[in-house]
């Protein structure tokens, strides 16, 4: 082999070596980027999961509070009904003067211009 062939062979070999090193670096960079993206996605999924759990907890608390208030309202209604049914005054008529006065008051509320 001539000296020119050896130099050409060395240049080609060196070029192939540089291409191989670049390919290896490029592959390493791509793997690092992919790993970073997986880590970022994992963090995003964890945050979304925590947010969903928090929202579910709030929703369950609201549902329970509404149920408790409804139960309390129903219990209060039943107690008031029982008290009114068993009270002595439930069988007593309202005096006419008091009923008239309440009507006048209601009329004034409905129509403030009225001076009855």
PDB file of N, CA and C in Angstrom:
ATOM      1  N   UNK A   1       0.836  -1.174   0.000  1.00  0.00           N
ATOM      2  CA  UNK A   1       0.000   0.000   0.000  1.00  0.00           C
ATOM      3  C   UNK A   1       0.883   1.240   0.000  1.00  0.00           C
ATOM      4  N   UNK A   2       0.372   2.190  -0.706  1.00  0.00           N
ATOM      5  CA  UNK A   2       1.150   3.413  -0.795  1.00  0.00           C
ATOM      6  C   UNK A   2       0.834   4.295   0.405  1.00  0.00           C
ATOM      7  N   UNK A   3       1.691   5.259   0.530  1.00  0.00           N
ATOM      8  CA  UNK A   3       1.531   6.192   1.629  1.00  0.00           C
ATOM      9  C   UNK A   3       0.209   6.955   1.494  1.00  0.00           C
ATOM     10  N   UNK A   4      -0.221   7.290   0.314  1.00  0.00           N
ATOM     11  CA  UNK A   4      -1.472   8.008   0.087  1.00  0.00           C
ATOM     12  C   UNK A   4      -2.655   7.150   0.491  1.00  0.00           C
ATOM     13  N   UNK A   5      -2.538   5.839   0.165  1.00  0.00           N
ATOM     14  CA  UNK A   5      -3.613   4.923   0.563  1.00  0.00           C
ATOM     15  C   UNK A   5      -3.715   4.813   2.087  1.00  0.00           C
ATOM     16  N   UNK A   6      -2.584   4.763   2.733  1.00  0.00           N
ATOM     17  CA  UNK A   6      -2.569   4.668   4.188  1.00  0.00           C
ATOM     18  C   UNK A   6      -3.163   5.939   4.816  1.00  0.00           C
ATOM     19  N   UNK A   7      -2.816   7.075   4.252  1.00  0.00           N
ATOM     20  CA  UNK A   7      -3.356   8.326   4.777  1.00  0.00           C
ATOM     21  C   UNK A   7      -4.863   8.360   4.550  1.00  0.00           C
ATOM     22  N   UNK A   8      -5.297   7.967   3.343  1.00  0.00           N
ATOM     23  CA  UNK A   8      -6.730   7.932   3.041  1.00  0.00           C
ATOM     24  C   UNK A   8      -7.447   6.973   3.977  1.00  0.00           C
ATOM     25  N   UNK A   9      -6.849   5.808   4.190  1.00  0.00           N
ATOM     26  CA  UNK A   9      -7.430   4.822   5.087  1.00  0.00           C
ATOM     27  C   UNK A   9      -7.498   5.378   6.521  1.00  0.00           C
ATOM     28  N   UNK A  10      -6.479   6.086   6.954  1.00  0.00           N
ATOM     29  CA  UNK A  10      -6.444   6.677   8.291  1.00  0.00           C
ATOM     30  C   UNK A  10      -7.520   7.758   8.413  1.00  0.00           C
ATOM     31  N   UNK A  11      -7.664   8.564   7.369  1.00  0.00           N
ATOM     32  CA  UNK A  11      -8.671   9.625   7.398  1.00  0.00           C
ATOM     33  C   UNK A  11     -10.063   9.025   7.446  1.00  0.00           C
ATOM     34  N   UNK A  12     -10.311   8.004   6.617  1.00  0.00           N
ATOM     35  CA  UNK A  12     -11.622   7.360   6.620  1.00  0.00           C
ATOM     36  C   UNK A  12     -11.880   6.697   7.970  1.00  0.00           C
ATOM     37  N   UNK A  13     -10.891   6.024   8.494  1.00  0.00           N
ATOM     38  CA  UNK A  13     -11.036   5.380   9.801  1.00  0.00           C
ATOM     39  C   UNK A  13     -11.302   6.390  10.892  1.00  0.00           C
ATOM     40  N   UNK A  14     -10.562   7.504  10.856  1.00  0.00           N
ATOM     41  CA  UNK A  14     -10.770   8.550  11.842  1.00  0.00           C
ATOM     42  C   UNK A  14     -12.169   9.142  11.696  1.00  0.00           C
ATOM     43  N   UNK A  15     -12.625   9.333  10.466  1.00  0.00           N
ATOM     44  CA  UNK A  15     -13.980   9.847  10.218  1.00  0.00           C
ATOM     45  C   UNK A  15     -15.035   8.907  10.772  1.00  0.00           C
ATOM     46  N   UNK A  16     -14.827   7.608  10.544  1.00  0.00           N
ATOM     47  CA  UNK A  16     -15.773   6.618  11.081  1.00  0.00           C
ATOM     48  C   UNK A  16     -15.759   6.624  12.616  1.00  0.00           C
ATOM     49  N   UNK A  17     -14.565   6.788  13.186  1.00  0.00           N
ATOM     50  CA  UNK A  17     -14.456   6.856  14.644  1.00  0.00           C
ATOM     51  C   UNK A  17     -15.218   8.065  15.181  1.00  0.00           C
ATOM     52  N   UNK A  18     -15.086   9.213  14.524  1.00  0.00           N
ATOM     53  CA  UNK A  18     -15.806  10.424  14.956  1.00  0.00           C
ATOM     54  C   UNK A  18     -17.305  10.225  14.795  1.00  0.00           C
ATOM     55  N   UNK A  19     -17.743   9.614  13.695  1.00  0.00           N
ATOM     56  CA  UNK A  19     -19.167   9.336  13.512  1.00  0.00           C
ATOM     57  C   UNK A  19     -19.680   8.416  14.611  1.00  0.00           C
ATOM     58  N   UNK A  20     -18.913   7.411  14.958  1.00  0.00           N
ATOM     59  CA  UNK A  20     -19.303   6.486  16.031  1.00  0.00           C
ATOM     60  C   UNK A  20     -19.407   7.182  17.366  1.00  0.00           C
ATOM     61  N   UNK A  21     -18.442   8.069  17.662  1.00  0.00           N
ATOM     62  CA  UNK A  21     -18.474   8.821  18.919  1.00  0.00           C
ATOM     63  C   UNK A  21     -19.679   9.755  18.935  1.00  0.00           C
ATOM     64  N   UNK A  22     -19.919  10.435  17.788  1.00  0.00           N
ATOM     65  CA  UNK A  22     -21.089  11.327  17.710  1.00  0.00           C
ATOM     66  C   UNK A  22     -22.382  10.547  17.878  1.00  0.00           C
ATOM     67  N   UNK A  23     -22.473   9.378  17.272  1.00  0.00           N
ATOM     68  CA  UNK A  23     -23.684   8.565  17.396  1.00  0.00           C
ATOM     69  C   UNK A  23     -23.887   8.148  18.849  1.00  0.00           C
ATOM     70  N   UNK A  24     -22.794   7.766  19.512  1.00  0.00           N
ATOM     71  CA  UNK A  24     -22.880   7.359  20.916  1.00  0.00           C
ATOM     72  C   UNK A  24     -23.308   8.534  21.779  1.00  0.00           C
ATOM     73  N   UNK A  25     -22.712   9.719  21.548  1.00  0.00           N
ATOM     74  CA  UNK A  25     -23.107  10.900  22.313  1.00  0.00           C
ATOM     75  C   UNK A  25     -24.560  11.260  22.030  1.00  0.00           C
ATOM     76  N   UNK A  26     -24.945  11.178  20.762  1.00  0.00           N
ATOM     77  CA  UNK A  26     -26.313  11.492  20.392  1.00  0.00           C
ATOM     78  C   UNK A  26     -27.277  10.527  21.073  1.00  0.00           C
ATOM     79  N   UNK A  27     -26.963   9.263  21.094  1.00  0.00           N
ATOM     80  CA  UNK A  27     -27.803   8.258  21.742  1.00  0.00           C
ATOM     81  C   UNK A  27     -27.880   8.531  23.243  1.00  0.00           C
ATOM     82  N   UNK A  28     -26.741   8.875  23.850  1.00  0.00           N
ATOM     83  CA  UNK A  28     -26.723   9.177  25.291  1.00  0.00           C
ATOM     84  C   UNK A  28     -27.584  10.411  25.565  1.00  0.00           C
ATOM     85  N   UNK A  29     -27.470  11.434  24.717  1.00  0.00           N
ATOM     86  CA  UNK A  29     -28.287  12.643  24.894  1.00  0.00           C
ATOM     87  C   UNK A  29     -29.770  12.319  24.774  1.00  0.00           C
ATOM     88  N   UNK A  30     -30.117  11.491  23.800  1.00  0.00           N
ATOM     89  CA  UNK A  30     -31.519  11.123  23.631  1.00  0.00           C
ATOM     90  C   UNK A  30     -32.033  10.315  24.815  1.00  0.00           C
ATOM     91  N   UNK A  31     -31.199   9.427  25.317  1.00  0.00           N
ATOM     92  CA  UNK A  31     -31.607   8.641  26.489  1.00  0.00           C
ATOM     93  C   UNK A  31     -31.774   9.539  27.715  1.00  0.00           C
ATOM     94  N   UNK A  32     -30.882  10.494  27.891  1.00  0.00           N
ATOM     95  CA  UNK A  32     -30.983  11.432  29.016  1.00  0.00           C
ATOM     96  C   UNK A  32     -32.254  12.263  28.885  1.00  0.00           C
ATOM     97  N   UNK A  33     -32.531  12.747  27.673  1.00  0.00           N
ATOM     98  CA  UNK A  33     -33.748  13.531  27.438  1.00  0.00           C
ATOM     99  C   UNK A  33     -35.000  12.691  27.714  1.00  0.00           C
ATOM    100  N   UNK A  34     -34.991  11.458  27.235  1.00  0.00           N
ATOM    101  CA  UNK A  34     -36.145  10.577  27.460  1.00  0.00           C
ATOM    102  C   UNK A  34     -36.325  10.311  28.957  1.00  0.00           C
ATOM    103  N   UNK A  35     -35.243  10.104  29.660  1.00  0.00           N
ATOM    104  CA  UNK A  35     -35.311   9.872  31.109  1.00  0.00           C
ATOM    105  C   UNK A  35     -35.860  11.108  31.823  1.00  0.00           C
ATOM    106  N   UNK A  36     -35.419  12.295  31.414  1.00  0.00           N
ATOM    107  CA  UNK A  36     -35.934  13.530  32.005  1.00  0.00           C
ATOM    108  C   UNK A  36     -37.434  13.681  31.744  1.00  0.00           C
ATOM    109  N   UNK A  37     -37.861  13.333  30.537  1.00  0.00           N
ATOM    110  CA  UNK A  37     -39.282  13.430  30.197  1.00  0.00           C
ATOM    111  C   UNK A  37     -40.114  12.448  31.017  1.00  0.00           C
ATOM    112  N   UNK A  38     -39.579  11.244  31.218  1.00  0.00           N
ATOM    113  CA  UNK A  38     -40.293  10.252  32.038  1.00  0.00           C
ATOM    114  C   UNK A  38     -40.409  10.750  33.475  1.00  0.00           C
ATOM    115  N   UNK A  39     -39.346  11.330  33.995  1.00  0.00           N
ATOM    116  CA  UNK A  39     -39.373  11.869  35.355  1.00  0.00           C
ATOM    117  C   UNK A  39     -40.392  13.000  35.466  1.00  0.00           C
ATOM    118  N   UNK A  40     -40.423  13.872  34.464  1.00  0.00           N
ATOM    119  CA  UNK A  40     -41.383  14.980  34.460  1.00  0.00           C
ATOM    120  C   UNK A  40     -42.820  14.464  34.389  1.00  0.00           C
ATOM    121  N   UNK A  41     -43.060  13.478  33.545  1.00  0.00           N
ATOM    122  CA  UNK A  41     -44.407  12.897  33.441  1.00  0.00           C
ATOM    123  C   UNK A  41     -44.811  12.215  34.742  1.00  0.00           C
ATOM    124  N   UNK A  42     -43.871  11.534  35.373  1.00  0.00           N
ATOM    125  CA  UNK A  42     -44.153  10.867  36.643  1.00  0.00           C
ATOM    126  C   UNK A  42     -44.547  11.901  37.703  1.00  0.00           C
ATOM    127  N   UNK A  43     -43.837  13.011  37.740  1.00  0.00           N
ATOM    128  CA  UNK A  43     -44.160  14.077  38.683  1.00  0.00           C
ATOM    129  C   UNK A  43     -45.538  14.652  38.389  1.00  0.00           C
ATOM    130  N   UNK A  44     -45.844  14.862  37.116  1.00  0.00           N
ATOM    131  CA  UNK A  44     -47.152  15.396  36.720  1.00  0.00           C
ATOM    132  C   UNK A  44     -48.269  14.445  37.139  1.00  0.00           C
ATOM    133  N   UNK A  45     -48.072  13.159  36.921  1.00  0.00           N
ATOM    134  CA  UNK A  45     -49.087  12.167  37.293  1.00  0.00           C
ATOM    135  C   UNK A  45     -49.292  12.153  38.806  1.00  0.00           C
ATOM    136  N   UNK A  46     -48.211  12.254  39.555  1.00  0.00           N
ATOM    137  CA  UNK A  46     -48.340  12.277  41.015  1.00  0.00           C
ATOM    138  C   UNK A  46     -49.114  13.505  41.482  1.00  0.00           C
ATOM    139  N   UNK A  47     -48.830  14.663  40.861  1.00  0.00           N
ATOM    140  CA  UNK A  47     -49.552  15.890  41.229  1.00  0.00           C
ATOM    141  C   UNK A  47     -51.026  15.785  40.875  1.00  0.00           C
ATOM    142  N   UNK A  48     -51.317  15.234  39.693  1.00  0.00           N
ATOM    143  CA  UNK A  48     -52.715  15.070  39.289  1.00  0.00           C
ATOM    144  C   UNK A  48     -53.441  14.107  40.221  1.00  0.00           C
ATOM    145  N   UNK A  49     -52.766  13.056  40.622  1.00  0.00           N
ATOM    146  CA  UNK A  49     -53.376  12.089  41.534  1.00  0.00           C
ATOM    147  C   UNK A  49     -53.667  12.735  42.898  1.00  0.00           C
ATOM    148  N   UNK A  50     -52.715  13.513  43.396  1.00  0.00           N
ATOM    149  CA  UNK A  50     -52.922  14.191  44.683  1.00  0.00           C
ATOM    150  C   UNK A  50     -54.070  15.190  44.579  1.00  0.00           C
ATOM    151  N   UNK A  51     -54.147  15.917  43.465  1.00  0.00           N
ATOM    152  CA  UNK A  51     -55.234  16.879  43.259  1.00  0.00           C
ATOM    153  C   UNK A  51     -56.578  16.156  43.213  1.00  0.00           C
ATOM    154  N   UNK A  52     -56.637  15.039  42.493  1.00  0.00           N
ATOM    155  CA  UNK A  52     -57.879  14.271  42.385  1.00  0.00           C
ATOM    156  C   UNK A  52     -58.312  13.755  43.759  1.00  0.00           C
ATOM    157  N   UNK A  53     -57.363  13.260  44.540  1.00  0.00           N
ATOM    158  CA  UNK A  53     -57.694  12.780  45.881  1.00  0.00           C
ATOM    159  C   UNK A  53     -58.217  13.919  46.753  1.00  0.00           C
ATOM    160  N   UNK A  54     -57.600  15.097  46.633  1.00  0.00           N
ATOM    161  CA  UNK A  54     -58.057  16.253  47.414  1.00  0.00           C
ATOM    162  C   UNK A  54     -59.468  16.657  47.013  1.00  0.00           C
ATOM    163  N   UNK A  55     -59.731  16.697  45.714  1.00  0.00           N
ATOM    164  CA  UNK A  55     -61.060  17.069  45.237  1.00  0.00           C
ATOM    165  C   UNK A  55     -62.104  16.035  45.668  1.00  0.00           C
ATOM    166  N   UNK A  56     -61.747  14.764  45.647  1.00  0.00           N
ATOM    167  CA  UNK A  56     -62.670  13.722  46.109  1.00  0.00           C
ATOM    168  C   UNK A  56     -62.971  13.893  47.598  1.00  0.00           C
ATOM    169  N   UNK A  57     -61.944  14.241  48.372  1.00  0.00           N
ATOM    170  CA  UNK A  57     -62.148  14.448  49.813  1.00  0.00           C
ATOM    171  C   UNK A  57     -63.084  15.638  50.058  1.00  0.00           C
ATOM    172  N   UNK A  58     -62.882  16.716  49.311  1.00  0.00           N
ATOM    173  CA  UNK A  58     -63.748  17.894  49.445  1.00  0.00           C
ATOM    174  C   UNK A  58     -65.174  17.540  49.043  1.00  0.00           C
ATOM    175  N   UNK A  59     -65.307  16.847  47.929  1.00  0.00           N
ATOM    176  CA  UNK A  59     -66.633  16.454  47.449  1.00  0.00           C
ATOM    177  C   UNK A  59     -67.349  15.575  48.472  1.00  0.00           C
ATOM    178  N   UNK A  60     -66.643  14.613  49.029  1.00  0.00           N
ATOM    179  CA  UNK A  60     -67.251  13.735  50.042  1.00  0.00           C
ATOM    180  C   UNK A  60     -67.643  14.528  51.290  1.00  0.00           C
ATOM    181  N   UNK A  61     -66.815  15.503  51.673  1.00  0.00           N
ATOM    182  CA  UNK A  61     -67.137  16.328  52.836  1.00  0.00           C
ATOM    183  C   UNK A  61     -68.395  17.160  52.575  1.00  0.00           C
ATOM    184  N   UNK A  62     -68.513  17.705  51.369  1.00  0.00           N
ATOM    185  CA  UNK A  62     -69.697  18.501  51.019  1.00  0.00           C
ATOM    186  C   UNK A  62     -70.947  17.619  51.038  1.00  0.00           C
ATOM    187  N   UNK A  63     -70.843  16.436  50.450  1.00  0.00           N
ATOM    188  CA  UNK A  63     -71.981  15.508  50.430  1.00  0.00           C
ATOM    189  C   UNK A  63     -72.406  15.147  51.852  1.00  0.00           C
ATOM    190  N   UNK A  64     -71.424  14.854  52.715  1.00  0.00           N
ATOM    191  CA  UNK A  64     -71.741  14.487  54.099  1.00  0.00           C
ATOM    192  C   UNK A  64     -72.368  15.659  54.850  1.00  0.00           C
ATOM    193  N   UNK A  65     -71.853  16.865  54.613  1.00  0.00           N
ATOM    194  CA  UNK A  65     -72.410  18.051  55.274  1.00  0.00           C
ATOM    195  C   UNK A  65     -73.853  18.285  54.842  1.00  0.00           C
ATOM    196  N   UNK A  66     -74.113  18.159  53.542  1.00  0.00           N
ATOM    197  CA  UNK A  66     -75.495  18.316  53.053  1.00  0.00           C
ATOM    198  C   UNK A  66     -76.409  17.275  53.676  1.00  0.00           C
ATOM    199  N   UNK A  67     -75.928  16.040  53.782  1.00  0.00           N
ATOM    200  CA  UNK A  67     -76.737  14.975  54.393  1.00  0.00           C
ATOM    201  C   UNK A  67     -77.009  15.295  55.864  1.00  0.00           C
ATOM    202  N   UNK A  68     -75.958  15.726  56.570  1.00  0.00           N
ATOM    203  CA  UNK A  68     -76.138  16.060  57.990  1.00  0.00           C
ATOM    204  C   UNK A  68     -77.134  17.204  58.169  1.00  0.00           C
ATOM    205  N   UNK A  69     -77.026  18.239  57.321  1.00  0.00           N
ATOM    206  CA  UNK A  69     -77.961  19.365  57.416  1.00  0.00           C
ATOM    207  C   UNK A  69     -79.387  18.932  57.100  1.00  0.00           C
ATOM    208  N   UNK A  70     -79.536  18.082  56.098  1.00  0.00           N
ATOM    209  CA  UNK A  70     -80.868  17.593  55.739  1.00  0.00           C
ATOM    210  C   UNK A  70     -81.460  16.769  56.879  1.00  0.00           C
ATOM    211  N   UNK A  71     -80.636  15.906  57.462  1.00  0.00           N
ATOM    212  CA  UNK A  71     -81.110  15.103  58.600  1.00  0.00           C
ATOM    213  C   UNK A  71     -81.528  16.002  59.757  1.00  0.00           C
ATOM    214  N   UNK A  72     -80.707  17.036  60.033  1.00  0.00           N
ATOM    215  CA  UNK A  72     -81.013  17.956  61.125  1.00  0.00           C
ATOM    216  C   UNK A  72     -82.292  18.738  60.828  1.00  0.00           C
ATOM    217  N   UNK A  73     -82.454  19.167  59.578  1.00  0.00           N
ATOM    218  CA  UNK A  73     -83.665  19.905  59.186  1.00  0.00           C
ATOM    219  C   UNK A  73     -84.907  19.032  59.369  1.00  0.00           C
ATOM    220  N   UNK A  74     -84.831  17.796  58.910  1.00  0.00           N
ATOM    221  CA  UNK A  74     -85.972  16.884  59.048  1.00  0.00           C
ATOM    222  C   UNK A  74     -86.291  16.597  60.510  1.00  0.00           C
ATOM    223  N   UNK A  75     -85.258  16.430  61.304  1.00  0.00           N
ATOM    224  CA  UNK A  75     -85.466  16.175  62.727  1.00  0.00           C
ATOM    225  C   UNK A  75     -86.107  17.398  63.397  1.00  0.00           C
ATOM    226  N   UNK A  76     -85.636  18.581  63.050  1.00  0.00           N
ATOM    227  CA  UNK A  76     -86.203  19.811  63.625  1.00  0.00           C
ATOM    228  C   UNK A  76     -87.666  19.964  63.228  1.00  0.00           C
ATOM    229  N   UNK A  77     -87.992  19.715  61.966  1.00  0.00           N
ATOM    230  CA  UNK A  77     -89.385  19.801  61.514  1.00  0.00           C
ATOM    231  C   UNK A  77     -90.269  18.845  62.313  1.00  0.00           C
ATOM    232  N   UNK A  78     -89.790  17.652  62.504  1.00  0.00           N
ATOM    233  CA  UNK A  78     -90.581  16.658  63.228  1.00  0.00           C
ATOM    234  C   UNK A  78     -90.785  17.076  64.688  1.00  0.00           C
ATOM    235  N   UNK A  79     -89.760  17.621  65.304  1.00  0.00           N
ATOM    236  CA  UNK A  79     -89.877  18.074  66.693  1.00  0.00           C
ATOM    237  C   UNK A  79     -90.888  19.218  66.788  1.00  0.00           C
ATOM    238  N   UNK A  80     -90.792  20.177  65.869  1.00  0.00           N
ATOM    239  CA  UNK A  80     -91.723  21.315  65.896  1.00  0.00           C
ATOM    240  C   UNK A  80     -93.149  20.827  65.669  1.00  0.00           C
ATOM    241  N   UNK A  81     -93.350  19.927  64.737  1.00  0.00           N
ATOM    242  CA  UNK A  81     -94.702  19.384  64.502  1.00  0.00           C
ATOM    243  C   UNK A  81     -95.248  18.722  65.763  1.00  0.00           C
ATOM    244  N   UNK A  82     -94.416  17.951  66.422  1.00  0.00           N
ATOM    245  CA  UNK A  82     -94.846  17.267  67.643  1.00  0.00           C
ATOM    246  C   UNK A  82     -95.205  18.279  68.723  1.00  0.00           C
ATOM    247  N   UNK A  83     -94.379  19.298  68.872  1.00  0.00           N
ATOM    248  CA  UNK A  83     -94.651  20.327  69.897  1.00  0.00           C
ATOM    249  C   UNK A  83     -95.960  21.037  69.598  1.00  0.00           C
ATOM    250  N   UNK A  84     -96.172  21.408  68.345  1.00  0.00           N
ATOM    251  CA  UNK A  84     -97.402  22.138  67.993  1.00  0.00           C
ATOM    252  C   UNK A  84     -98.625  21.250  68.192  1.00  0.00           C
ATOM    253  N   UNK A  85     -98.534  19.982  67.812  1.00  0.00           N
ATOM    254  CA  UNK A  85     -99.681  19.083  67.959  1.00  0.00           C
ATOM    255  C   UNK A  85    -100.043  18.853  69.414  1.00  0.00           C
ATOM    256  N   UNK A  86     -99.056  18.813  70.259  1.00  0.00           N
ATOM    257  CA  UNK A  86     -99.329  18.483  71.665  1.00  0.00           C
ATOM    258  C   UNK A  86     -99.508  19.711  72.548  1.00  0.00           C
ATOM    259  N   UNK A  87     -99.268  20.897  72.016  1.00  0.00           N
ATOM    260  CA  UNK A  87     -99.394  22.121  72.837  1.00  0.00           C
ATOM    261  C   UNK A  87    -100.873  22.451  73.059  1.00  0.00           C
ATOM    262  N   UNK A  88    -101.171  22.999  74.232  1.00  0.00           N
ATOM    263  CA  UNK A  88    -102.550  23.376  74.561  1.00  0.00           C
ATOM    264  C   UNK A  88    -103.052  24.499  73.653  1.00  0.00           C
ATOM    265  N   UNK A  89    -102.173  25.380  73.270  1.00  0.00           N
ATOM    266  CA  UNK A  89    -102.610  26.531  72.479  1.00  0.00           C
ATOM    267  C   UNK A  89    -102.993  26.138  71.054  1.00  0.00           C
ATOM    268  N   UNK A  90    -102.650  24.936  70.628  1.00  0.00           N
ATOM    269  CA  UNK A  90    -102.996  24.546  69.252  1.00  0.00           C
ATOM    270  C   UNK A  90    -104.499  24.390  69.070  1.00  0.00           C
ATOM    271  N   UNK A  91    -105.235  24.169  70.132  1.00  0.00           N
ATOM    272  CA  UNK A  91    -106.685  24.031  70.036  1.00  0.00           C
ATOM    273  C   UNK A  91    -107.415  25.343  70.324  1.00  0.00           C
ATOM    274  N   UNK A  92    -106.682  26.415  70.627  1.00  0.00           N
ATOM    275  CA  UNK A  92    -107.274  27.703  70.974  1.00  0.00           C
ATOM    276  C   UNK A  92    -107.280  28.597  69.738  1.00  0.00           C
ATOM    277  N   UNK A  93    -108.419  29.269  69.508  1.00  0.00           N
ATOM    278  CA  UNK A  93    -108.519  30.189  68.383  1.00  0.00           C
ATOM    279  C   UNK A  93    -107.778  31.482  68.692  1.00  0.00           C
ATOM    280  N   UNK A  94    -107.271  32.095  67.662  1.00  0.00           N
ATOM    281  CA  UNK A  94    -106.620  33.397  67.823  1.00  0.00           C
ATOM    282  C   UNK A  94    -107.724  34.434  67.966  1.00  0.00           C
ATOM    283  N   UNK A  95    -107.623  35.304  68.954  1.00  0.00           N
ATOM    284  CA  UNK A  95    -108.654  36.340  69.134  1.00  0.00           C
ATOM    285  C   UNK A  95    -108.787  37.202  67.877  1.00  0.00           C
ATOM    286  N   UNK A  96    -110.045  37.656  67.600  1.00  0.00           N
ATOM    287  CA  UNK A  96    -110.315  38.448  66.396  1.00  0.00           C
ATOM    288  C   UNK A  96    -109.450  39.702  66.321  1.00  0.00           C
ATOM    289  N   UNK A  97    -109.270  40.374  67.433  1.00  0.00           N
ATOM    290  CA  UNK A  97    -108.488  41.616  67.437  1.00  0.00           C
ATOM    291  C   UNK A  97    -107.037  41.337  67.029  1.00  0.00           C
ATOM    292  N   UNK A  98    -106.498  40.257  67.526  1.00  0.00           N
ATOM    293  CA  UNK A  98    -105.119  39.903  67.183  1.00  0.00           C
ATOM    294  C   UNK A  98    -105.021  39.521  65.711  1.00  0.00           C
ATOM    295  N   UNK A  99    -105.999  38.759  65.225  1.00  0.00           N
ATOM    296  CA  UNK A  99    -106.001  38.361  63.815  1.00  0.00           C
ATOM    297  C   UNK A  99    -106.134  39.589  62.921  1.00  0.00           C
ATOM    298  N   UNK A 100    -107.008  40.544  63.316  1.00  0.00           N
ATOM    299  CA  UNK A 100    -107.169  41.775  62.538  1.00  0.00           C
ATOM    300  C   UNK A 100    -105.856  42.564  62.499  1.00  0.00           C
ATOM    301  N   UNK A 101    -105.227  42.655  63.644  1.00  0.00           N
ATOM    302  CA  UNK A 101    -103.955  43.403  63.733  1.00  0.00           C
ATOM    303  C   UNK A 101    -102.893  42.738  62.859  1.00  0.00           C
ATOM    304  N   UNK A 102    -102.810  41.419  62.861  1.00  0.00           N
ATOM    305  CA  UNK A 102    -101.841  40.700  62.023  1.00  0.00           C
ATOM    306  C   UNK A 102    -102.133  40.913  60.540  1.00  0.00           C
ATOM    307  N   UNK A 103    -103.452  40.956  60.185  1.00  0.00           N
ATOM    308  CA  UNK A 103    -103.822  41.213  58.783  1.00  0.00           C
ATOM    309  C   UNK A 103    -103.381  42.618  58.357  1.00  0.00           C
ATOM    310  N   UNK A 104    -103.636  43.594  59.243  1.00  0.00           N
ATOM    311  CA  UNK A 104    -103.234  44.968  58.932  1.00  0.00           C
ATOM    312  C   UNK A 104    -101.712  45.061  58.753  1.00  0.00           C
ATOM    313  N   UNK A 105    -100.996  44.402  59.632  1.00  0.00           N
ATOM    314  CA  UNK A 105     -99.537  44.401  59.540  1.00  0.00           C
ATOM    315  C   UNK A 105     -99.080  43.768  58.230  1.00  0.00           C
ATOM    316  N   UNK A 106     -99.687  42.654  57.859  1.00  0.00           N
ATOM    317  CA  UNK A 106     -99.337  41.979  56.602  1.00  0.00           C
ATOM    318  C   UNK A 106     -99.650  42.870  55.409  1.00  0.00           C
ATOM    319  N   UNK A 107    -100.795  43.580  55.477  1.00  0.00           N
ATOM    320  CA  UNK A 107    -101.155  44.495  54.387  1.00  0.00           C
ATOM    321  C   UNK A 107    -100.134  45.624  54.259  1.00  0.00           C
ATOM    322  N   UNK A 108     -99.688  46.155  55.400  1.00  0.00           N
ATOM    323  CA  UNK A 108     -98.684  47.227  55.363  1.00  0.00           C
ATOM    324  C   UNK A 108     -97.361  46.734  54.765  1.00  0.00           C
ATOM    325  N   UNK A 109     -97.019  45.501  55.058  1.00  0.00           N
ATOM    326  CA  UNK A 109     -95.782  44.940  54.492  1.00  0.00           C
ATOM    327  C   UNK A 109     -95.915  44.797  52.983  1.00  0.00           C
ATOM    328  N   UNK A 110     -97.070  44.320  52.544  1.00  0.00           N
ATOM    329  CA  UNK A 110     -97.302  44.130  51.097  1.00  0.00           C
ATOM    330  C   UNK A 110     -97.408  45.451  50.362  1.00  0.00           C
ATOM    331  N   UNK A 111     -98.026  46.459  51.006  1.00  0.00           N
ATOM    332  CA  UNK A 111     -98.263  47.755  50.369  1.00  0.00           C
ATOM    333  C   UNK A 111     -97.884  48.851  51.344  1.00  0.00           C
ATOM    334  N   UNK A 112     -96.648  49.304  51.362  1.00  0.00           N
ATOM    335  CA  UNK A 112     -96.202  50.297  52.354  1.00  0.00           C
ATOM    336  C   UNK A 112     -96.955  51.614  52.274  1.00  0.00           C
ATOM    337  N   UNK A 113     -97.575  51.941  51.147  1.00  0.00           N
ATOM    338  CA  UNK A 113     -98.312  53.211  51.016  1.00  0.00           C
ATOM    339  C   UNK A 113     -99.613  53.183  51.810  1.00  0.00           C
ATOM    340  N   UNK A 114    -100.100  51.978  52.143  1.00  0.00           N
ATOM    341  CA  UNK A 114    -101.342  51.831  52.904  1.00  0.00           C
ATOM    342  C   UNK A 114    -101.126  52.285  54.341  1.00  0.00           C
ATOM    343  N   UNK A 115    -102.107  52.976  54.920  1.00  0.00           N
ATOM    344  CA  UNK A 115    -101.986  53.473  56.313  1.00  0.00           C
ATOM    345  C   UNK A 115    -103.090  52.936  57.193  1.00  0.00           C
ATOM    346  N   UNK A 116    -103.543  51.714  56.954  1.00  0.00           N
ATOM    347  CA  UNK A 116    -104.623  51.129  57.770  1.00  0.00           C
ATOM    348  C   UNK A 116    -104.221  50.997  59.190  1.00  0.00           C
TER     349      UNK A 116
END
